[in-house]
Amino acid sequence: MAEGSEEEKDVSNNLHERRMIQPGSLEDPKVIKLKEVLVEWINKTLKVEHIVVRSLEEDLYDGLVLHHLLRRLAKVELHVEEIALSYDAQIRKLDLILTALNQTLKVDVDMAKWSVKLIHSRDLLATLHLLVAMATQFQPNLGLPANVTVEVIQCEKCPIDELFMLEAHKIETAVLHFVNKTLASLELSVMDLDKQFADGVILLLLIGQLEGFFIPLCEFFLCPVSSSEMLHNVTLALDLLVDRGFPVQFVDPQVADTFNLKRPQMKEKWRLISS
């Protein structure tokens, strides 16, 4: 696939890697159509195996669907476990599958616009790259929509600044995507930012994942039941950020909705967490 412009990428012919997809692009009719065509193609291909895909991000990351596609389309048999439950097992399985797919597609691993890490972290851009390459190889008459472009947030600009220029509901969607992508390896998901961040548990786990360290379970309350336990967790999270050089003096741990997206200083708080 050829490179596109600096600001956008042609999904069906020339995608451009960026750090974060602009949430508004996901509502583009052509992007929606591309996803629909790919989902329909996968389900039709794997119908005899009774496999149904509904979400490209959520249903392909563990390797099961890709394994079946590889076997059915390329007639490649791999000796891998059918269902990989643990993080390590899923990574090993994906590595074998993507190695075989790259060989089949004649794509050099250094040139591929997808990787084990990206696919497993539910990166939609990488997943689209891979599926478009597979569809082009195995079913060139599929009829993928032409000139599909995906706008992305530029790396040289602060993603948080651009994020908070969006409409309110798009901000929450983008933040949820960021949080769930970061926590994917822990097999955790967040549906309600206000409620699930209030007790400090998700915040602590998020900090640990982003900063690359493990917080001993004895240091915080994994299932807090009282306000004092929740306050302990949030205070610990803020202390960890201070220890790592983040100025979080403006964050009051006693405010239960301290990470509510509607609060005036929300942009500064998320800038700290995601930096």
C-alpha atoms as a PDB file:
ATOM      1  CA  MET A   1       0.000   0.000   0.000  1.00  0.00           C
ATOM      2  CA  ALA A   2       1.304   3.425  -0.958  1.00  0.00           C
ATOM      3  CA  GLU A   3       1.686   6.237   1.548  1.00  0.00           C
ATOM      4  CA  GLY A   4      -0.985   8.925   1.719  1.00  0.00           C
ATOM      5  CA  SER A   5      -0.810  12.512   2.922  1.00  0.00           C
ATOM      6  CA  GLU A   6       0.539  13.593   6.282  1.00  0.00           C
ATOM      7  CA  GLU A   7      -2.942  14.222   7.688  1.00  0.00           C
ATOM      8  CA  GLU A   8      -4.921  11.261   6.404  1.00  0.00           C
ATOM      9  CA  LYS A   9      -4.634   7.800   4.913  1.00  0.00           C
ATOM     10  CA  ASP A  10      -6.482   5.878   2.249  1.00  0.00           C
ATOM     11  CA  VAL A  11      -7.668   2.799   4.140  1.00  0.00           C
ATOM     12  CA  SER A  12      -8.387   0.589   1.170  1.00  0.00           C
ATOM     13  CA  ASN A  13      -5.234   1.471  -0.740  1.00  0.00           C
ATOM     14  CA  ASN A  14      -2.823   3.653   1.186  1.00  0.00           C
ATOM     15  CA  LEU A  15      -3.213   3.981   4.982  1.00  0.00           C
ATOM     16  CA  HIS A  16      -0.852   6.117   7.040  1.00  0.00           C
ATOM     17  CA  GLU A  17       0.157   5.103  10.564  1.00  0.00           C
ATOM     18  CA  ARG A  18      -0.606   7.635  13.284  1.00  0.00           C
ATOM     19  CA  ARG A  19      -0.863   7.526  17.023  1.00  0.00           C
ATOM     20  CA  MET A  20      -4.609   8.005  17.311  1.00  0.00           C
ATOM     21  CA  ILE A  21      -7.539   7.857  14.916  1.00  0.00           C
ATOM     22  CA  GLN A  22      -9.654  11.004  14.962  1.00  0.00           C
ATOM     23  CA  PRO A  23     -12.936   9.775  16.508  1.00  0.00           C
ATOM     24  CA  GLY A  24     -14.945  11.645  13.889  1.00  0.00           C
ATOM     25  CA  SER A  25     -13.444   9.439  11.177  1.00  0.00           C
ATOM     26  CA  LEU A  26     -15.168   6.425  12.660  1.00  0.00           C
ATOM     27  CA  GLU A  27     -18.497   8.031  11.732  1.00  0.00           C
ATOM     28  CA  ASP A  28     -17.486   8.576   8.099  1.00  0.00           C
ATOM     29  CA  PRO A  29     -19.898   6.594   5.854  1.00  0.00           C
ATOM     30  CA  LYS A  30     -17.025   5.127   3.838  1.00  0.00           C
ATOM     31  CA  VAL A  31     -15.210   3.917   6.956  1.00  0.00           C
ATOM     32  CA  ILE A  32     -18.443   2.407   8.272  1.00  0.00           C
ATOM     33  CA  LYS A  33     -19.016   0.734   4.898  1.00  0.00           C
ATOM     34  CA  LEU A  34     -15.476  -0.671   4.814  1.00  0.00           C
ATOM     35  CA  LYS A  35     -15.922  -2.191   8.264  1.00  0.00           C
ATOM     36  CA  GLU A  36     -19.293  -3.635   7.266  1.00  0.00           C
ATOM     37  CA  VAL A  37     -17.888  -5.207   4.088  1.00  0.00           C
ATOM     38  CA  LEU A  38     -14.977  -6.751   5.990  1.00  0.00           C
ATOM     39  CA  VAL A  39     -17.219  -8.107   8.735  1.00  0.00           C
ATOM     40  CA  GLU A  40     -19.610  -9.576   6.166  1.00  0.00           C
ATOM     41  CA  TRP A  41     -16.697 -11.127   4.264  1.00  0.00           C
ATOM     42  CA  ILE A  42     -15.272 -12.720   7.420  1.00  0.00           C
ATOM     43  CA  ASN A  43     -18.658 -14.085   8.508  1.00  0.00           C
ATOM     44  CA  LYS A  44     -19.386 -15.488   5.065  1.00  0.00           C
ATOM     45  CA  THR A  45     -15.958 -17.111   4.914  1.00  0.00           C
ATOM     46  CA  LEU A  46     -16.273 -18.680   8.351  1.00  0.00           C
ATOM     47  CA  LYS A  47     -19.995 -19.485   8.245  1.00  0.00           C
ATOM     48  CA  VAL A  48     -19.373 -23.231   7.966  1.00  0.00           C
ATOM     49  CA  GLU A  49     -17.317 -23.032  11.155  1.00  0.00           C
ATOM     50  CA  HIS A  50     -20.129 -21.234  12.997  1.00  0.00           C
ATOM     51  CA  ILE A  51     -17.946 -18.220  13.785  1.00  0.00           C
ATOM     52  CA  VAL A  52     -19.643 -14.826  13.887  1.00  0.00           C
ATOM     53  CA  VAL A  53     -17.744 -11.537  14.064  1.00  0.00           C
ATOM     54  CA  ARG A  54     -19.504  -8.381  15.207  1.00  0.00           C
ATOM     55  CA  SER A  55     -16.610  -6.068  16.062  1.00  0.00           C
ATOM     56  CA  LEU A  56     -13.286  -5.891  14.227  1.00  0.00           C
ATOM     57  CA  GLU A  57     -11.569  -4.507  17.315  1.00  0.00           C
ATOM     58  CA  GLU A  58     -13.010  -6.877  19.899  1.00  0.00           C
ATOM     59  CA  ASP A  59     -13.311 -10.152  17.962  1.00  0.00           C
ATOM     60  CA  LEU A  60      -9.923 -10.434  16.241  1.00  0.00           C
ATOM     61  CA  TYR A  61      -7.375  -9.469  18.874  1.00  0.00           C
ATOM     62  CA  ASP A  62      -6.892 -12.951  20.405  1.00  0.00           C
ATOM     63  CA  GLY A  63      -6.032 -14.686  17.127  1.00  0.00           C
ATOM     64  CA  LEU A  64      -8.918 -17.154  16.941  1.00  0.00           C
ATOM     65  CA  VAL A  65     -10.656 -15.570  13.941  1.00  0.00           C
ATOM     66  CA  LEU A  66      -7.382 -14.824  12.139  1.00  0.00           C
ATOM     67  CA  HIS A  67      -6.301 -18.432  12.652  1.00  0.00           C
ATOM     68  CA  HIS A  68      -9.478 -19.738  11.033  1.00  0.00           C
ATOM     69  CA  LEU A  69      -9.209 -17.245   8.164  1.00  0.00           C
ATOM     70  CA  LEU A  70      -5.619 -18.283   7.531  1.00  0.00           C
ATOM     71  CA  ARG A  71      -6.549 -21.953   7.507  1.00  0.00           C
ATOM     72  CA  ARG A  72      -9.570 -21.550   5.250  1.00  0.00           C
ATOM     73  CA  LEU A  73      -8.198 -18.968   2.806  1.00  0.00           C
ATOM     74  CA  ALA A  74      -4.531 -19.931   2.583  1.00  0.00           C
ATOM     75  CA  LYS A  75      -4.849 -23.616   3.496  1.00  0.00           C
ATOM     76  CA  VAL A  76      -2.182 -23.111   6.150  1.00  0.00           C
ATOM     77  CA  GLU A  77      -2.322 -25.409   9.178  1.00  0.00           C
ATOM     78  CA  LEU A  78      -0.712 -24.164  12.373  1.00  0.00           C
ATOM     79  CA  HIS A  79      -0.264 -26.175  15.537  1.00  0.00           C
ATOM     80  CA  VAL A  80      -1.716 -23.654  17.959  1.00  0.00           C
ATOM     81  CA  GLU A  81      -4.292 -23.949  20.690  1.00  0.00           C
ATOM     82  CA  GLU A  82      -7.823 -23.258  19.485  1.00  0.00           C
ATOM     83  CA  ILE A  83      -8.735 -20.898  22.317  1.00  0.00           C
ATOM     84  CA  ALA A  84      -5.948 -18.955  24.006  1.00  0.00           C
ATOM     85  CA  LEU A  85      -7.184 -17.563  27.295  1.00  0.00           C
ATOM     86  CA  SER A  86      -4.130 -16.012  28.916  1.00  0.00           C
ATOM     87  CA  TYR A  87      -2.250 -12.955  27.699  1.00  0.00           C
ATOM     88  CA  ASP A  88       0.946 -14.906  27.044  1.00  0.00           C
ATOM     89  CA  ALA A  89      -0.893 -17.641  25.149  1.00  0.00           C
ATOM     90  CA  GLN A  90      -2.664 -15.092  22.952  1.00  0.00           C
ATOM     91  CA  ILE A  91       0.620 -13.310  22.170  1.00  0.00           C
ATOM     92  CA  ARG A  92       2.343 -16.581  21.224  1.00  0.00           C
ATOM     93  CA  LYS A  93      -0.589 -17.593  19.040  1.00  0.00           C
ATOM     94  CA  LEU A  94      -0.784 -14.214  17.304  1.00  0.00           C
ATOM     95  CA  ASP A  95       2.955 -14.263  16.641  1.00  0.00           C
ATOM     96  CA  LEU A  96       2.702 -17.591  14.811  1.00  0.00           C
ATOM     97  CA  ILE A  97      -0.393 -16.507  12.878  1.00  0.00           C
ATOM     98  CA  LEU A  98       0.985 -13.139  11.773  1.00  0.00           C
ATOM     99  CA  THR A  99       4.301 -14.724  10.789  1.00  0.00           C
ATOM    100  CA  ALA A 100       2.408 -17.152   8.539  1.00  0.00           C
ATOM    101  CA  LEU A 101       0.162 -14.394   7.185  1.00  0.00           C
ATOM    102  CA  ASN A 102       3.112 -12.131   6.377  1.00  0.00           C
ATOM    103  CA  GLN A 103       4.741 -14.987   4.481  1.00  0.00           C
ATOM    104  CA  THR A 104       1.525 -15.713   2.609  1.00  0.00           C
ATOM    105  CA  LEU A 105       0.976 -12.039   1.789  1.00  0.00           C
ATOM    106  CA  LYS A 106       4.671 -11.634   0.936  1.00  0.00           C
ATOM    107  CA  VAL A 107       4.963  -8.750   3.378  1.00  0.00           C
ATOM    108  CA  ASP A 108       8.239  -8.065   5.155  1.00  0.00           C
ATOM    109  CA  VAL A 109       7.711  -7.887   8.903  1.00  0.00           C
ATOM    110  CA  ASP A 110       9.565  -4.561   9.057  1.00  0.00           C
ATOM    111  CA  MET A 111       7.273  -3.086   6.401  1.00  0.00           C
ATOM    112  CA  ALA A 112       3.994  -4.477   7.737  1.00  0.00           C
ATOM    113  CA  LYS A 113       1.509  -1.906   9.021  1.00  0.00           C
ATOM    114  CA  TRP A 114       0.364  -4.347  11.676  1.00  0.00           C
ATOM    115  CA  SER A 115       2.096  -6.265  14.459  1.00  0.00           C
ATOM    116  CA  VAL A 116       1.317  -8.654  17.276  1.00  0.00           C
ATOM    117  CA  LYS A 117       1.266  -5.771  19.747  1.00  0.00           C
ATOM    118  CA  LEU A 118      -1.035  -3.609  17.633  1.00  0.00           C
ATOM    119  CA  ILE A 119      -3.522  -6.354  16.807  1.00  0.00           C
ATOM    120  CA  HIS A 120      -3.654  -7.611  20.388  1.00  0.00           C
ATOM    121  CA  SER A 121      -4.168  -4.079  21.699  1.00  0.00           C
ATOM    122  CA  ARG A 122      -7.266  -3.819  19.487  1.00  0.00           C
ATOM    123  CA  ASP A 123      -5.725  -1.170  17.232  1.00  0.00           C
ATOM    124  CA  LEU A 124      -8.393  -0.577  14.583  1.00  0.00           C
ATOM    125  CA  LEU A 125      -6.006   1.041  12.111  1.00  0.00           C
ATOM    126  CA  ALA A 126      -3.649  -1.949  12.151  1.00  0.00           C
ATOM    127  CA  THR A 127      -6.565  -4.384  11.995  1.00  0.00           C
ATOM    128  CA  LEU A 128      -7.980  -2.632   8.928  1.00  0.00           C
ATOM    129  CA  HIS A 129      -4.567  -2.677   7.267  1.00  0.00           C
ATOM    130  CA  LEU A 130      -4.289  -6.421   7.804  1.00  0.00           C
ATOM    131  CA  LEU A 131      -7.819  -7.310   6.712  1.00  0.00           C
ATOM    132  CA  VAL A 132      -7.637  -5.123   3.597  1.00  0.00           C
ATOM    133  CA  ALA A 133      -4.375  -6.849   2.640  1.00  0.00           C
ATOM    134  CA  MET A 134      -5.954 -10.272   3.205  1.00  0.00           C
ATOM    135  CA  ALA A 135      -9.100  -9.431   1.269  1.00  0.00           C
ATOM    136  CA  THR A 136      -7.053  -8.025  -1.626  1.00  0.00           C
ATOM    137  CA  GLN A 137      -4.966 -11.195  -1.714  1.00  0.00           C
ATOM    138  CA  PHE A 138      -7.652 -13.827  -1.289  1.00  0.00           C
ATOM    139  CA  GLN A 139     -10.735 -12.169  -2.760  1.00  0.00           C
ATOM    140  CA  PRO A 140      -9.749  -9.258  -5.026  1.00  0.00           C
ATOM    141  CA  ASN A 141     -13.311  -8.959  -6.349  1.00  0.00           C
ATOM    142  CA  LEU A 142     -14.750  -8.334  -2.894  1.00  0.00           C
ATOM    143  CA  GLY A 143     -15.642  -4.765  -3.760  1.00  0.00           C
ATOM    144  CA  LEU A 144     -14.025  -2.792  -0.974  1.00  0.00           C
ATOM    145  CA  PRO A 145     -15.148   0.853  -1.009  1.00  0.00           C
ATOM    146  CA  ALA A 146     -12.659   3.074  -2.808  1.00  0.00           C
ATOM    147  CA  ASN A 147     -10.867   6.146  -1.479  1.00  0.00           C
ATOM    148  CA  VAL A 148     -11.629   5.463   2.166  1.00  0.00           C
ATOM    149  CA  THR A 149      -9.668   7.879   4.315  1.00  0.00           C
ATOM    150  CA  VAL A 150      -9.034   7.933   8.044  1.00  0.00           C
ATOM    151  CA  GLU A 151      -8.086  11.217   9.695  1.00  0.00           C
ATOM    152  CA  VAL A 152      -5.706  10.966  12.594  1.00  0.00           C
ATOM    153  CA  ILE A 153      -4.469  13.177  15.394  1.00  0.00           C
ATOM    154  CA  GLN A 154      -0.999  14.388  14.450  1.00  0.00           C
ATOM    155  CA  CYS A 155       1.839  13.127  16.600  1.00  0.00           C
ATOM    156  CA  GLU A 156       3.526  16.516  16.852  1.00  0.00           C
ATOM    157  CA  LYS A 157       0.418  18.030  18.398  1.00  0.00           C
ATOM    158  CA  CYS A 158      -0.829  17.180  21.859  1.00  0.00           C
ATOM    159  CA  PRO A 159      -3.546  14.518  21.430  1.00  0.00           C
ATOM    160  CA  ILE A 160      -5.326  15.739  24.543  1.00  0.00           C
ATOM    161  CA  ASP A 161      -5.666  19.287  23.167  1.00  0.00           C
ATOM    162  CA  GLU A 162      -7.187  17.993  19.931  1.00  0.00           C
ATOM    163  CA  LEU A 163      -9.292  15.492  21.815  1.00  0.00           C
ATOM    164  CA  PHE A 164     -11.011  18.176  23.882  1.00  0.00           C
ATOM    165  CA  MET A 165     -11.847  20.178  20.769  1.00  0.00           C
ATOM    166  CA  LEU A 166     -14.340  17.459  19.862  1.00  0.00           C
ATOM    167  CA  GLU A 167     -17.983  17.254  20.859  1.00  0.00           C
ATOM    168  CA  ALA A 168     -18.557  15.954  24.398  1.00  0.00           C
ATOM    169  CA  HIS A 169     -19.827  12.498  23.429  1.00  0.00           C
ATOM    170  CA  LYS A 170     -16.868  12.004  21.082  1.00  0.00           C
ATOM    171  CA  ILE A 171     -14.434  12.895  23.869  1.00  0.00           C
ATOM    172  CA  GLU A 172     -15.840  10.163  26.086  1.00  0.00           C
ATOM    173  CA  THR A 173     -15.721   7.640  23.234  1.00  0.00           C
ATOM    174  CA  ALA A 174     -12.076   8.463  22.522  1.00  0.00           C
ATOM    175  CA  VAL A 175     -11.044   8.336  26.196  1.00  0.00           C
ATOM    176  CA  LEU A 176     -12.843   5.009  26.661  1.00  0.00           C
ATOM    177  CA  HIS A 177     -10.974   3.647  23.641  1.00  0.00           C
ATOM    178  CA  PHE A 178      -7.643   4.815  25.084  1.00  0.00           C
ATOM    179  CA  VAL A 179      -8.355   3.338  28.534  1.00  0.00           C
ATOM    180  CA  ASN A 180      -9.631   0.001  27.233  1.00  0.00           C
ATOM    181  CA  LYS A 181      -6.742  -0.309  24.785  1.00  0.00           C
ATOM    182  CA  THR A 182      -4.284   0.282  27.646  1.00  0.00           C
ATOM    183  CA  LEU A 183      -6.001  -2.218  29.946  1.00  0.00           C
ATOM    184  CA  ALA A 184      -6.527  -4.872  27.256  1.00  0.00           C
ATOM    185  CA  SER A 185      -3.655  -7.049  28.502  1.00  0.00           C
ATOM    186  CA  LEU A 186      -5.340  -7.212  31.932  1.00  0.00           C
ATOM    187  CA  GLU A 187      -8.581  -8.326  30.272  1.00  0.00           C
ATOM    188  CA  LEU A 188     -10.413  -5.372  31.821  1.00  0.00           C
ATOM    189  CA  SER A 189     -12.843  -3.001  30.185  1.00  0.00           C
ATOM    190  CA  VAL A 190     -14.388   0.304  31.235  1.00  0.00           C
ATOM    191  CA  MET A 191     -17.927   1.252  30.256  1.00  0.00           C
ATOM    192  CA  ASP A 192     -18.614   4.204  32.569  1.00  0.00           C
ATOM    193  CA  LEU A 193     -15.698   6.569  33.243  1.00  0.00           C
ATOM    194  CA  ASP A 194     -17.395   8.498  36.046  1.00  0.00           C
ATOM    195  CA  LYS A 195     -18.409   5.440  38.074  1.00  0.00           C
ATOM    196  CA  GLN A 196     -15.462   3.148  37.414  1.00  0.00           C
ATOM    197  CA  PHE A 197     -12.795   5.760  38.137  1.00  0.00           C
ATOM    198  CA  ALA A 198     -14.416   6.970  41.351  1.00  0.00           C
ATOM    199  CA  ASP A 199     -12.957   4.220  43.588  1.00  0.00           C
ATOM    200  CA  GLY A 200      -9.391   4.568  42.249  1.00  0.00           C
ATOM    201  CA  VAL A 201      -8.937   0.914  41.217  1.00  0.00           C
ATOM    202  CA  ILE A 202      -9.001   1.429  37.442  1.00  0.00           C
ATOM    203  CA  LEU A 203      -6.879   4.554  37.818  1.00  0.00           C
ATOM    204  CA  LEU A 204      -4.183   2.618  39.706  1.00  0.00           C
ATOM    205  CA  LEU A 205      -4.147  -0.203  37.165  1.00  0.00           C
ATOM    206  CA  LEU A 206      -4.030   2.314  34.310  1.00  0.00           C
ATOM    207  CA  ILE A 207      -1.046   4.115  35.844  1.00  0.00           C
ATOM    208  CA  GLY A 208       0.717   0.785  36.343  1.00  0.00           C
ATOM    209  CA  GLN A 209       0.204  -0.200  32.703  1.00  0.00           C
ATOM    210  CA  LEU A 210       1.280   3.163  31.317  1.00  0.00           C
ATOM    211  CA  GLU A 211       4.326   3.489  33.561  1.00  0.00           C
ATOM    212  CA  GLY A 212       5.327  -0.185  33.309  1.00  0.00           C
ATOM    213  CA  PHE A 213       5.218  -1.302  36.929  1.00  0.00           C
ATOM    214  CA  PHE A 214       3.113  -3.584  39.126  1.00  0.00           C
ATOM    215  CA  ILE A 215       1.338  -2.229  42.182  1.00  0.00           C
ATOM    216  CA  PRO A 216       1.161  -4.945  44.890  1.00  0.00           C
ATOM    217  CA  LEU A 217      -2.427  -5.832  45.710  1.00  0.00           C
ATOM    218  CA  CYS A 218      -1.684  -5.367  49.398  1.00  0.00           C
ATOM    219  CA  GLU A 219      -1.071  -1.669  48.742  1.00  0.00           C
ATOM    220  CA  PHE A 220      -4.645  -0.839  47.730  1.00  0.00           C
ATOM    221  CA  PHE A 221      -8.227  -2.059  47.966  1.00  0.00           C
ATOM    222  CA  LEU A 222      -9.093  -4.059  44.861  1.00  0.00           C
ATOM    223  CA  CYS A 223     -12.781  -4.140  45.813  1.00  0.00           C
ATOM    224  CA  PRO A 224     -13.336  -1.059  47.986  1.00  0.00           C
ATOM    225  CA  VAL A 225     -16.622  -0.969  49.868  1.00  0.00           C
ATOM    226  CA  SER A 226     -16.317   2.221  51.906  1.00  0.00           C
ATOM    227  CA  SER A 227     -15.574   5.837  51.083  1.00  0.00           C
ATOM    228  CA  SER A 228     -12.364   5.665  53.150  1.00  0.00           C
ATOM    229  CA  GLU A 229     -11.099   2.728  51.063  1.00  0.00           C
ATOM    230  CA  MET A 230     -11.911   4.565  47.853  1.00  0.00           C
ATOM    231  CA  LEU A 231     -10.148   7.684  49.158  1.00  0.00           C
ATOM    232  CA  HIS A 232      -7.107   5.556  50.002  1.00  0.00           C
ATOM    233  CA  ASN A 233      -6.946   4.255  46.424  1.00  0.00           C
ATOM    234  CA  VAL A 234      -7.304   7.666  44.782  1.00  0.00           C
ATOM    235  CA  THR A 235      -4.763   9.221  47.170  1.00  0.00           C
ATOM    236  CA  LEU A 236      -2.297   6.419  46.386  1.00  0.00           C
ATOM    237  CA  ALA A 237      -2.776   7.006  42.666  1.00  0.00           C
ATOM    238  CA  LEU A 238      -2.066  10.722  43.049  1.00  0.00           C
ATOM    239  CA  ASP A 239       0.986   9.981  45.228  1.00  0.00           C
ATOM    240  CA  LEU A 240       2.345   7.682  42.520  1.00  0.00           C
ATOM    241  CA  LEU A 241       1.918  10.443  39.945  1.00  0.00           C
ATOM    242  CA  VAL A 242       3.685  12.953  42.213  1.00  0.00           C
ATOM    243  CA  ASP A 243       6.553  10.476  42.764  1.00  0.00           C
ATOM    244  CA  ARG A 244       6.988  10.245  39.007  1.00  0.00           C
ATOM    245  CA  GLY A 245       7.137  14.014  38.591  1.00  0.00           C
ATOM    246  CA  PHE A 246       3.548  14.846  37.619  1.00  0.00           C
ATOM    247  CA  PRO A 247       2.150  18.080  39.129  1.00  0.00           C
ATOM    248  CA  VAL A 248      -1.242  16.925  40.366  1.00  0.00           C
ATOM    249  CA  GLN A 249      -1.711  19.342  43.242  1.00  0.00           C
ATOM    250  CA  PHE A 250      -4.933  20.614  41.649  1.00  0.00           C
ATOM    251  CA  VAL A 251      -6.586  17.185  41.933  1.00  0.00           C
ATOM    252  CA  ASP A 252      -8.596  16.739  45.110  1.00  0.00           C
ATOM    253  CA  PRO A 253      -8.719  13.011  46.051  1.00  0.00           C
ATOM    254  CA  GLN A 254     -11.823  13.612  48.147  1.00  0.00           C
ATOM    255  CA  VAL A 255     -13.881  14.596  45.099  1.00  0.00           C
ATOM    256  CA  ALA A 256     -15.512  11.357  43.996  1.00  0.00           C
ATOM    257  CA  ASP A 257     -15.988  12.467  40.417  1.00  0.00           C
ATOM    258  CA  THR A 258     -12.478  13.896  40.112  1.00  0.00           C
ATOM    259  CA  PHE A 259     -12.093  12.343  36.647  1.00  0.00           C
ATOM    260  CA  ASN A 260     -15.505  13.334  35.393  1.00  0.00           C
ATOM    261  CA  LEU A 261     -15.106  14.499  31.791  1.00  0.00           C
ATOM    262  CA  LYS A 262     -17.422  17.431  32.397  1.00  0.00           C
ATOM    263  CA  ARG A 263     -15.228  19.046  35.050  1.00  0.00           C
ATOM    264  CA  PRO A 264     -13.344  22.192  33.922  1.00  0.00           C
ATOM    265  CA  GLN A 265      -9.816  20.835  34.564  1.00  0.00           C
ATOM    266  CA  MET A 266     -10.438  17.468  32.950  1.00  0.00           C
ATOM    267  CA  LYS A 267      -8.113  18.193  30.021  1.00  0.00           C
ATOM    268  CA  GLU A 268      -5.130  18.822  32.278  1.00  0.00           C
ATOM    269  CA  LYS A 269      -5.770  15.635  34.247  1.00  0.00           C
ATOM    270  CA  TRP A 270      -5.952  13.411  31.183  1.00  0.00           C
ATOM    271  CA  ARG A 271      -2.906  15.113  29.704  1.00  0.00           C
ATOM    272  CA  LEU A 272      -0.948  14.026  32.772  1.00  0.00           C
ATOM    273  CA  ILE A 273      -2.171  10.431  32.678  1.00  0.00           C
ATOM    274  CA  SER A 274      -1.590   9.919  28.972  1.00  0.00           C
ATOM    275  CA  SER A 275       1.748  11.722  28.698  1.00  0.00           C
END
